[in-house]
Amino acid sequence: MPNLLEHRFAIKRITKTSNEDYISALKICNETTPPNNKYE
């Protein structure tokens, strides 16, 4: 039997900047996006 790696995720649409998840999403984006790819 072959090894199996499975990853599942969900994407939540955020429509208001006042949503707490919006701030969390910005933090994740800022921490994971390389500096040379930001704001292009």
PDB file of N, CA and C in Angstrom:
ATOM      1  N   MET A   1       0.842  -1.185   0.000  1.00  0.00           N
ATOM      2  CA  MET A   1       0.000   0.000   0.000  1.00  0.00           C
ATOM      3  C   MET A   1       0.888   1.250   0.000  1.00  0.00           C
ATOM      4  N   PRO A   2       0.668   2.178  -0.938  1.00  0.00           N
ATOM      5  CA  PRO A   2       1.488   3.389  -0.989  1.00  0.00           C
ATOM      6  C   PRO A   2       1.169   4.329   0.178  1.00  0.00           C
ATOM      7  N   ASN A   3       2.143   5.129   0.535  1.00  0.00           N
ATOM      8  CA  ASN A   3       1.911   6.144   1.568  1.00  0.00           C
ATOM      9  C   ASN A   3       0.968   7.205   1.025  1.00  0.00           C
ATOM     10  N   LEU A   4       0.138   7.704   1.866  1.00  0.00           N
ATOM     11  CA  LEU A   4      -0.846   8.702   1.449  1.00  0.00           C
ATOM     12  C   LEU A   4      -0.758   9.914   2.364  1.00  0.00           C
ATOM     13  N   LEU A   5      -0.587  11.060   1.761  1.00  0.00           N
ATOM     14  CA  LEU A   5      -0.588  12.314   2.507  1.00  0.00           C
ATOM     15  C   LEU A   5      -1.772  13.130   2.023  1.00  0.00           C
ATOM     16  N   GLU A   6      -2.621  13.496   2.934  1.00  0.00           N
ATOM     17  CA  GLU A   6      -3.831  14.224   2.556  1.00  0.00           C
ATOM     18  C   GLU A   6      -3.922  15.497   3.389  1.00  0.00           C
ATOM     19  N   HIS A   7      -4.314  16.580   2.738  1.00  0.00           N
ATOM     20  CA  HIS A   7      -4.460  17.862   3.428  1.00  0.00           C
ATOM     21  C   HIS A   7      -5.769  18.483   2.980  1.00  0.00           C
ATOM     22  N   ARG A   8      -6.573  18.875   3.915  1.00  0.00           N
ATOM     23  CA  ARG A   8      -7.851  19.513   3.598  1.00  0.00           C
ATOM     24  C   ARG A   8      -7.905  20.881   4.265  1.00  0.00           C
ATOM     25  N   PHE A   9      -8.540  21.810   3.607  1.00  0.00           N
ATOM     26  CA  PHE A   9      -8.691  23.145   4.166  1.00  0.00           C
ATOM     27  C   PHE A   9      -9.977  23.763   3.649  1.00  0.00           C
ATOM     28  N   ALA A  10     -10.368  24.826   4.292  1.00  0.00           N
ATOM     29  CA  ALA A  10     -11.552  25.573   3.876  1.00  0.00           C
ATOM     30  C   ALA A  10     -11.169  27.044   3.776  1.00  0.00           C
ATOM     31  N   ILE A  11     -11.809  27.734   2.874  1.00  0.00           N
ATOM     32  CA  ILE A  11     -11.576  29.163   2.698  1.00  0.00           C
ATOM     33  C   ILE A  11     -12.845  29.910   3.107  1.00  0.00           C
ATOM     34  N   LYS A  12     -12.665  30.875   3.983  1.00  0.00           N
ATOM     35  CA  LYS A  12     -13.793  31.670   4.457  1.00  0.00           C
ATOM     36  C   LYS A  12     -13.712  33.052   3.824  1.00  0.00           C
ATOM     37  N   ARG A  13     -14.792  33.467   3.206  1.00  0.00           N
ATOM     38  CA  ARG A  13     -14.840  34.804   2.611  1.00  0.00           C
ATOM     39  C   ARG A  13     -15.062  35.833   3.718  1.00  0.00           C
ATOM     40  N   ILE A  14     -14.202  36.829   3.745  1.00  0.00           N
ATOM     41  CA  ILE A  14     -14.317  37.900   4.732  1.00  0.00           C
ATOM     42  C   ILE A  14     -14.744  39.156   3.990  1.00  0.00           C
ATOM     43  N   THR A  15     -15.864  39.716   4.399  1.00  0.00           N
ATOM     44  CA  THR A  15     -16.419  40.855   3.667  1.00  0.00           C
ATOM     45  C   THR A  15     -16.292  42.180   4.414  1.00  0.00           C
ATOM     46  N   LYS A  16     -15.903  42.118   5.691  1.00  0.00           N
ATOM     47  CA  LYS A  16     -15.779  43.360   6.468  1.00  0.00           C
ATOM     48  C   LYS A  16     -14.387  43.427   7.095  1.00  0.00           C
ATOM     49  N   THR A  17     -13.759  44.576   6.986  1.00  0.00           N
ATOM     50  CA  THR A  17     -12.438  44.741   7.587  1.00  0.00           C
ATOM     51  C   THR A  17     -12.504  44.786   9.102  1.00  0.00           C
ATOM     52  N   SER A  18     -13.687  44.948   9.657  1.00  0.00           N
ATOM     53  CA  SER A  18     -13.838  44.949  11.111  1.00  0.00           C
ATOM     54  C   SER A  18     -13.903  43.530  11.685  1.00  0.00           C
ATOM     55  N   ASN A  19     -14.009  42.536  10.813  1.00  0.00           N
ATOM     56  CA  ASN A  19     -14.054  41.137  11.236  1.00  0.00           C
ATOM     57  C   ASN A  19     -12.700  40.737  11.827  1.00  0.00           C
ATOM     58  N   GLU A  20     -12.702  40.065  12.981  1.00  0.00           N
ATOM     59  CA  GLU A  20     -11.452  39.649  13.619  1.00  0.00           C
ATOM     60  C   GLU A  20     -10.644  38.709  12.729  1.00  0.00           C
ATOM     61  N   ASP A  21     -11.334  37.910  11.924  1.00  0.00           N
ATOM     62  CA  ASP A  21     -10.637  36.995  11.024  1.00  0.00           C
ATOM     63  C   ASP A  21      -9.867  37.751   9.942  1.00  0.00           C
ATOM     64  N   TYR A  22     -10.299  38.955   9.619  1.00  0.00           N
ATOM     65  CA  TYR A  22      -9.589  39.778   8.635  1.00  0.00           C
ATOM     66  C   TYR A  22      -8.182  40.103   9.128  1.00  0.00           C
ATOM     67  N   ILE A  23      -8.079  40.478  10.389  1.00  0.00           N
ATOM     68  CA  ILE A  23      -6.776  40.793  10.978  1.00  0.00           C
ATOM     69  C   ILE A  23      -5.899  39.549  11.003  1.00  0.00           C
ATOM     70  N   SER A  24      -6.480  38.420  11.373  1.00  0.00           N
ATOM     71  CA  SER A  24      -5.722  37.166  11.390  1.00  0.00           C
ATOM     72  C   SER A  24      -5.222  36.814   9.991  1.00  0.00           C
ATOM     73  N   ALA A  25      -6.059  36.999   9.000  1.00  0.00           N
ATOM     74  CA  ALA A  25      -5.674  36.696   7.620  1.00  0.00           C
ATOM     75  C   ALA A  25      -4.527  37.596   7.161  1.00  0.00           C
ATOM     76  N   LEU A  26      -4.576  38.868   7.524  1.00  0.00           N
ATOM     77  CA  LEU A  26      -3.494  39.781   7.160  1.00  0.00           C
ATOM     78  C   LEU A  26      -2.175  39.371   7.820  1.00  0.00           C
ATOM     79  N   LYS A  27      -2.247  38.934   9.064  1.00  0.00           N
ATOM     80  CA  LYS A  27      -1.045  38.488   9.764  1.00  0.00           C
ATOM     81  C   LYS A  27      -0.445  37.262   9.076  1.00  0.00           C
ATOM     82  N   ILE A  28      -1.282  36.307   8.713  1.00  0.00           N
ATOM     83  CA  ILE A  28      -0.801  35.103   8.028  1.00  0.00           C
ATOM     84  C   ILE A  28      -0.174  35.485   6.692  1.00  0.00           C
ATOM     85  N   CYS A  29      -0.838  36.340   5.948  1.00  0.00           N
ATOM     86  CA  CYS A  29      -0.316  36.785   4.656  1.00  0.00           C
ATOM     87  C   CYS A  29       1.031  37.478   4.828  1.00  0.00           C
ATOM     88  N   ASN A  30       1.133  38.331   5.806  1.00  0.00           N
ATOM     89  CA  ASN A  30       2.364  39.074   6.041  1.00  0.00           C
ATOM     90  C   ASN A  30       3.507  38.155   6.458  1.00  0.00           C
ATOM     91  N   GLU A  31       3.209  37.136   7.255  1.00  0.00           N
ATOM     92  CA  GLU A  31       4.237  36.229   7.748  1.00  0.00           C
ATOM     93  C   GLU A  31       4.686  35.215   6.702  1.00  0.00           C
ATOM     94  N   THR A  32       3.841  34.904   5.730  1.00  0.00           N
ATOM     95  CA  THR A  32       4.166  33.841   4.778  1.00  0.00           C
ATOM     96  C   THR A  32       4.561  34.331   3.388  1.00  0.00           C
ATOM     97  N   THR A  33       4.308  35.586   3.080  1.00  0.00           N
ATOM     98  CA  THR A  33       4.639  36.124   1.771  1.00  0.00           C
ATOM     99  C   THR A  33       6.064  36.687   1.804  1.00  0.00           C
ATOM    100  N   PRO A  34       6.917  36.220   0.892  1.00  0.00           N
ATOM    101  CA  PRO A  34       8.287  36.751   0.853  1.00  0.00           C
ATOM    102  C   PRO A  34       8.274  38.261   0.574  1.00  0.00           C
ATOM    103  N   PRO A  35       9.230  38.994   1.141  1.00  0.00           N
ATOM    104  CA  PRO A  35       9.240  40.463   0.985  1.00  0.00           C
ATOM    105  C   PRO A  35       9.270  40.921  -0.473  1.00  0.00           C
ATOM    106  N   ASN A  36       9.954  40.189  -1.339  1.00  0.00           N
ATOM    107  CA  ASN A  36      10.042  40.616  -2.740  1.00  0.00           C
ATOM    108  C   ASN A  36       8.727  40.382  -3.511  1.00  0.00           C
ATOM    109  N   ASN A  37       7.739  39.702  -2.909  1.00  0.00           N
ATOM    110  CA  ASN A  37       6.461  39.475  -3.581  1.00  0.00           C
ATOM    111  C   ASN A  37       5.355  40.367  -3.042  1.00  0.00           C
ATOM    112  N   LYS A  38       5.640  41.165  -2.037  1.00  0.00           N
ATOM    113  CA  LYS A  38       4.615  42.009  -1.433  1.00  0.00           C
ATOM    114  C   LYS A  38       4.426  43.292  -2.230  1.00  0.00           C
ATOM    115  N   TYR A  39       3.199  43.688  -2.330  1.00  0.00           N
ATOM    116  CA  TYR A  39       2.818  44.984  -2.910  1.00  0.00           C
ATOM    117  C   TYR A  39       3.273  45.172  -4.346  1.00  0.00           C
ATOM    118  N   GLU A  40       3.154  44.114  -5.122  1.00  0.00           N
ATOM    119  CA  GLU A  40       3.498  44.251  -6.551  1.00  0.00           C
ATOM    120  C   GLU A  40       2.279  44.546  -7.356  1.00  0.00           C
TER     121      GLU A  40
END
